[in-house]
Amino acid sequence: MKTISVAVSEADYEVFRQAARAQERPIAQLIREAMSVYRAERLEARTPLTEIPTLPGHRLIGQLPSRAEVYAEMFGERWTPGS
């Protein structure tokens, strides 16, 4: 493991301190976990669903929905294009 030093805001530190106390875990463990989640969600390359091959002999039965259609289904009236 690599040791790093980082400055954080008082507000962020307090939130992590309280969470660490509530979970009976060290703050450092929470920060390592947060960094891993950030790396997995934001930094690592992902293959678009449209580029993942289907099973041999199988094909899509229709077009995949657009991002707007997916968001509209997930959030309904609360979502508008461009938000």
N, C-alpha and C. Protein backbone atom coordinates (compact mmCIF):
# COMPACT_ATOMS: atom_id res chain seq x y z
N MET A 1 0.84 -1.18 0.00
CA MET A 1 0.00 0.00 0.00
C MET A 1 0.88 1.24 0.00
N LYS A 2 0.44 2.25 -0.71
CA LYS A 2 1.15 3.52 -0.81
C LYS A 2 0.55 4.51 0.18
N THR A 3 1.39 5.21 0.92
CA THR A 3 0.93 6.21 1.87
C THR A 3 0.89 7.56 1.18
N ILE A 4 -0.23 8.29 1.37
CA ILE A 4 -0.36 9.63 0.81
C ILE A 4 -0.80 10.58 1.91
N SER A 5 -0.61 11.86 1.66
CA SER A 5 -1.07 12.90 2.58
C SER A 5 -1.98 13.81 1.79
N VAL A 6 -3.14 14.10 2.34
CA VAL A 6 -4.11 14.92 1.62
C VAL A 6 -4.79 15.87 2.60
N ALA A 7 -5.02 17.11 2.16
CA ALA A 7 -5.74 18.08 2.97
C ALA A 7 -7.21 18.04 2.58
N VAL A 8 -8.09 18.04 3.56
CA VAL A 8 -9.53 18.01 3.31
C VAL A 8 -10.20 19.15 4.08
N SER A 9 -11.39 19.51 3.64
CA SER A 9 -12.13 20.56 4.34
C SER A 9 -12.58 20.06 5.71
N GLU A 10 -12.82 20.99 6.58
CA GLU A 10 -13.31 20.64 7.92
C GLU A 10 -14.64 19.89 7.83
N ALA A 11 -15.51 20.33 6.91
CA ALA A 11 -16.82 19.70 6.77
C ALA A 11 -16.68 18.25 6.31
N ASP A 12 -15.84 18.01 5.30
CA ASP A 12 -15.63 16.64 4.82
C ASP A 12 -15.03 15.77 5.91
N TYR A 13 -14.04 16.31 6.62
CA TYR A 13 -13.41 15.54 7.68
C TYR A 13 -14.43 15.15 8.75
N GLU A 14 -15.27 16.09 9.13
CA GLU A 14 -16.24 15.83 10.19
C GLU A 14 -17.24 14.75 9.76
N VAL A 15 -17.70 14.80 8.51
CA VAL A 15 -18.64 13.80 8.02
C VAL A 15 -17.99 12.42 8.03
N PHE A 16 -16.75 12.33 7.55
CA PHE A 16 -16.06 11.05 7.55
C PHE A 16 -15.76 10.57 8.97
N ARG A 17 -15.42 11.51 9.86
CA ARG A 17 -15.14 11.12 11.25
C ARG A 17 -16.38 10.52 11.89
N GLN A 18 -17.52 11.16 11.69
CA GLN A 18 -18.77 10.65 12.26
C GLN A 18 -19.15 9.30 11.65
N ALA A 19 -18.99 9.15 10.34
CA ALA A 19 -19.31 7.89 9.68
C ALA A 19 -18.38 6.78 10.18
N ALA A 20 -17.12 7.09 10.34
CA ALA A 20 -16.16 6.10 10.83
C ALA A 20 -16.51 5.66 12.25
N ARG A 21 -16.87 6.60 13.06
CA ARG A 21 -17.25 6.27 14.44
C ARG A 21 -18.52 5.40 14.45
N ALA A 22 -19.51 5.77 13.64
CA ALA A 22 -20.77 5.03 13.59
C ALA A 22 -20.56 3.60 13.09
N GLN A 23 -19.62 3.43 12.16
CA GLN A 23 -19.37 2.11 11.57
C GLN A 23 -18.25 1.36 12.29
N GLU A 24 -17.68 2.01 13.30
CA GLU A 24 -16.57 1.43 14.06
C GLU A 24 -15.44 0.99 13.13
N ARG A 25 -15.07 1.91 12.24
CA ARG A 25 -14.00 1.67 11.27
C ARG A 25 -13.08 2.89 11.27
N PRO A 26 -11.83 2.72 10.89
CA PRO A 26 -10.94 3.88 10.78
C PRO A 26 -11.34 4.80 9.61
N ILE A 27 -11.11 6.10 9.77
CA ILE A 27 -11.38 7.04 8.70
C ILE A 27 -10.61 6.64 7.44
N ALA A 28 -9.37 6.23 7.60
CA ALA A 28 -8.54 5.85 6.46
C ALA A 28 -9.20 4.74 5.64
N GLN A 29 -9.86 3.81 6.31
CA GLN A 29 -10.52 2.72 5.59
C GLN A 29 -11.68 3.27 4.76
N LEU A 30 -12.43 4.22 5.30
CA LEU A 30 -13.53 4.82 4.55
C LEU A 30 -13.00 5.59 3.33
N ILE A 31 -11.90 6.30 3.51
CA ILE A 31 -11.32 7.06 2.41
C ILE A 31 -10.79 6.13 1.33
N ARG A 32 -10.13 5.04 1.73
CA ARG A 32 -9.66 4.06 0.73
C ARG A 32 -10.83 3.49 -0.06
N GLU A 33 -11.92 3.18 0.64
CA GLU A 33 -13.11 2.65 -0.03
C GLU A 33 -13.70 3.68 -0.99
N ALA A 34 -13.77 4.95 -0.56
CA ALA A 34 -14.30 6.01 -1.42
C ALA A 34 -13.43 6.18 -2.66
N MET A 35 -12.11 6.09 -2.50
CA MET A 35 -11.22 6.21 -3.65
C MET A 35 -11.41 5.04 -4.62
N SER A 36 -11.61 3.85 -4.10
CA SER A 36 -11.84 2.68 -4.96
C SER A 36 -13.13 2.82 -5.75
N VAL A 37 -14.18 3.30 -5.10
CA VAL A 37 -15.46 3.50 -5.77
C VAL A 37 -15.31 4.56 -6.86
N TYR A 38 -14.64 5.67 -6.55
CA TYR A 38 -14.42 6.73 -7.53
C TYR A 38 -13.64 6.20 -8.72
N ARG A 39 -12.60 5.44 -8.46
CA ARG A 39 -11.79 4.88 -9.55
C ARG A 39 -12.65 3.99 -10.45
N ALA A 40 -13.42 3.10 -9.83
CA ALA A 40 -14.25 2.16 -10.60
C ALA A 40 -15.33 2.88 -11.41
N GLU A 41 -15.92 3.92 -10.84
CA GLU A 41 -17.04 4.59 -11.50
C GLU A 41 -16.62 5.68 -12.46
N ARG A 42 -15.49 6.33 -12.21
CA ARG A 42 -15.14 7.50 -13.01
C ARG A 42 -13.86 7.38 -13.83
N LEU A 43 -12.93 6.55 -13.39
CA LEU A 43 -11.62 6.55 -14.03
C LEU A 43 -11.36 5.36 -14.94
N GLU A 44 -11.95 4.21 -14.61
CA GLU A 44 -11.68 3.02 -15.41
C GLU A 44 -12.57 3.00 -16.65
N ALA A 45 -11.98 2.61 -17.76
CA ALA A 45 -12.71 2.55 -19.02
C ALA A 45 -13.77 1.46 -18.95
N ARG A 46 -14.91 1.77 -19.54
CA ARG A 46 -16.00 0.80 -19.60
C ARG A 46 -16.36 0.54 -21.05
N THR A 47 -16.78 -0.66 -21.32
CA THR A 47 -17.23 -1.01 -22.66
C THR A 47 -18.70 -0.64 -22.79
N PRO A 48 -19.03 0.18 -23.80
CA PRO A 48 -20.45 0.51 -24.00
C PRO A 48 -21.27 -0.77 -24.23
N LEU A 49 -22.48 -0.79 -23.73
CA LEU A 49 -23.34 -1.96 -23.88
C LEU A 49 -23.52 -2.36 -25.34
N THR A 50 -23.54 -1.38 -26.22
CA THR A 50 -23.73 -1.69 -27.63
C THR A 50 -22.54 -2.42 -28.24
N GLU A 51 -21.39 -2.40 -27.57
CA GLU A 51 -20.20 -3.08 -28.08
C GLU A 51 -19.95 -4.44 -27.43
N ILE A 52 -20.75 -4.82 -26.45
CA ILE A 52 -20.61 -6.12 -25.81
C ILE A 52 -21.27 -7.15 -26.71
N PRO A 53 -20.54 -8.17 -27.12
CA PRO A 53 -21.13 -9.14 -28.04
C PRO A 53 -22.25 -9.94 -27.38
N THR A 54 -23.24 -10.29 -28.18
CA THR A 54 -24.31 -11.14 -27.69
C THR A 54 -23.85 -12.59 -27.78
N LEU A 55 -24.61 -13.50 -27.23
CA LEU A 55 -24.27 -14.92 -27.31
C LEU A 55 -24.28 -15.38 -28.75
N PRO A 56 -23.40 -16.29 -29.12
CA PRO A 56 -23.39 -16.78 -30.51
C PRO A 56 -24.78 -17.32 -30.89
N GLY A 57 -25.23 -16.92 -32.06
CA GLY A 57 -26.53 -17.38 -32.53
C GLY A 57 -27.69 -16.54 -32.03
N HIS A 58 -27.41 -15.54 -31.19
CA HIS A 58 -28.46 -14.67 -30.67
C HIS A 58 -28.27 -13.27 -31.23
N ARG A 59 -29.34 -12.54 -31.31
CA ARG A 59 -29.27 -11.16 -31.76
C ARG A 59 -30.30 -10.35 -30.98
N LEU A 60 -30.12 -9.05 -31.02
CA LEU A 60 -31.08 -8.17 -30.35
C LEU A 60 -32.43 -8.29 -31.02
N ILE A 61 -33.49 -8.23 -30.23
CA ILE A 61 -34.83 -8.31 -30.81
C ILE A 61 -35.35 -6.93 -31.18
N GLY A 62 -34.61 -5.91 -30.80
CA GLY A 62 -35.00 -4.54 -31.14
C GLY A 62 -33.86 -3.60 -30.82
N GLN A 63 -34.05 -2.33 -31.14
CA GLN A 63 -33.04 -1.33 -30.85
C GLN A 63 -32.98 -1.06 -29.35
N LEU A 64 -31.79 -0.76 -28.87
CA LEU A 64 -31.65 -0.37 -27.48
C LEU A 64 -32.27 1.01 -27.29
N PRO A 65 -32.84 1.28 -26.11
CA PRO A 65 -33.44 2.60 -25.89
C PRO A 65 -32.35 3.67 -25.81
N SER A 66 -32.74 4.89 -26.12
CA SER A 66 -31.81 6.02 -26.01
C SER A 66 -31.62 6.36 -24.54
N ARG A 67 -30.60 7.13 -24.27
CA ARG A 67 -30.35 7.59 -22.89
C ARG A 67 -31.56 8.36 -22.37
N ALA A 68 -32.13 9.22 -23.21
CA ALA A 68 -33.31 9.99 -22.80
C ALA A 68 -34.47 9.08 -22.43
N GLU A 69 -34.68 8.02 -23.21
CA GLU A 69 -35.77 7.08 -22.92
C GLU A 69 -35.53 6.34 -21.60
N VAL A 70 -34.29 5.97 -21.35
CA VAL A 70 -33.97 5.27 -20.10
C VAL A 70 -34.21 6.20 -18.91
N TYR A 71 -33.71 7.46 -19.02
CA TYR A 71 -33.90 8.40 -17.92
C TYR A 71 -35.38 8.71 -17.70
N ALA A 72 -36.12 8.86 -18.78
CA ALA A 72 -37.55 9.14 -18.65
C ALA A 72 -38.26 8.00 -17.93
N GLU A 73 -37.86 6.76 -18.25
CA GLU A 73 -38.48 5.62 -17.58
C GLU A 73 -38.08 5.57 -16.10
N MET A 74 -36.82 5.89 -15.81
CA MET A 74 -36.34 5.82 -14.43
C MET A 74 -36.92 6.94 -13.56
N PHE A 75 -36.93 8.17 -14.11
CA PHE A 75 -37.27 9.33 -13.30
C PHE A 75 -38.62 9.94 -13.64
N GLY A 76 -39.23 9.52 -14.71
CA GLY A 76 -40.56 10.01 -15.07
C GLY A 76 -40.59 11.51 -15.26
N GLU A 77 -41.55 12.15 -14.65
CA GLU A 77 -41.76 13.58 -14.81
C GLU A 77 -40.62 14.42 -14.24
N ARG A 78 -39.83 13.86 -13.34
CA ARG A 78 -38.78 14.62 -12.69
C ARG A 78 -37.60 14.91 -13.62
N TRP A 79 -37.50 14.21 -14.75
CA TRP A 79 -36.36 14.36 -15.65
C TRP A 79 -36.77 15.03 -16.95
N THR A 80 -35.95 15.96 -17.41
CA THR A 80 -36.16 16.56 -18.72
C THR A 80 -34.84 16.51 -19.48
N PRO A 81 -34.87 16.37 -20.79
CA PRO A 81 -33.62 16.33 -21.57
C PRO A 81 -32.75 17.56 -21.28
N GLY A 82 -31.45 17.33 -21.17
CA GLY A 82 -30.52 18.41 -20.91
C GLY A 82 -30.31 18.71 -19.44
N SER A 83 -31.01 18.03 -18.55
CA SER A 83 -30.83 18.30 -17.11
C SER A 83 -29.83 17.36 -16.52
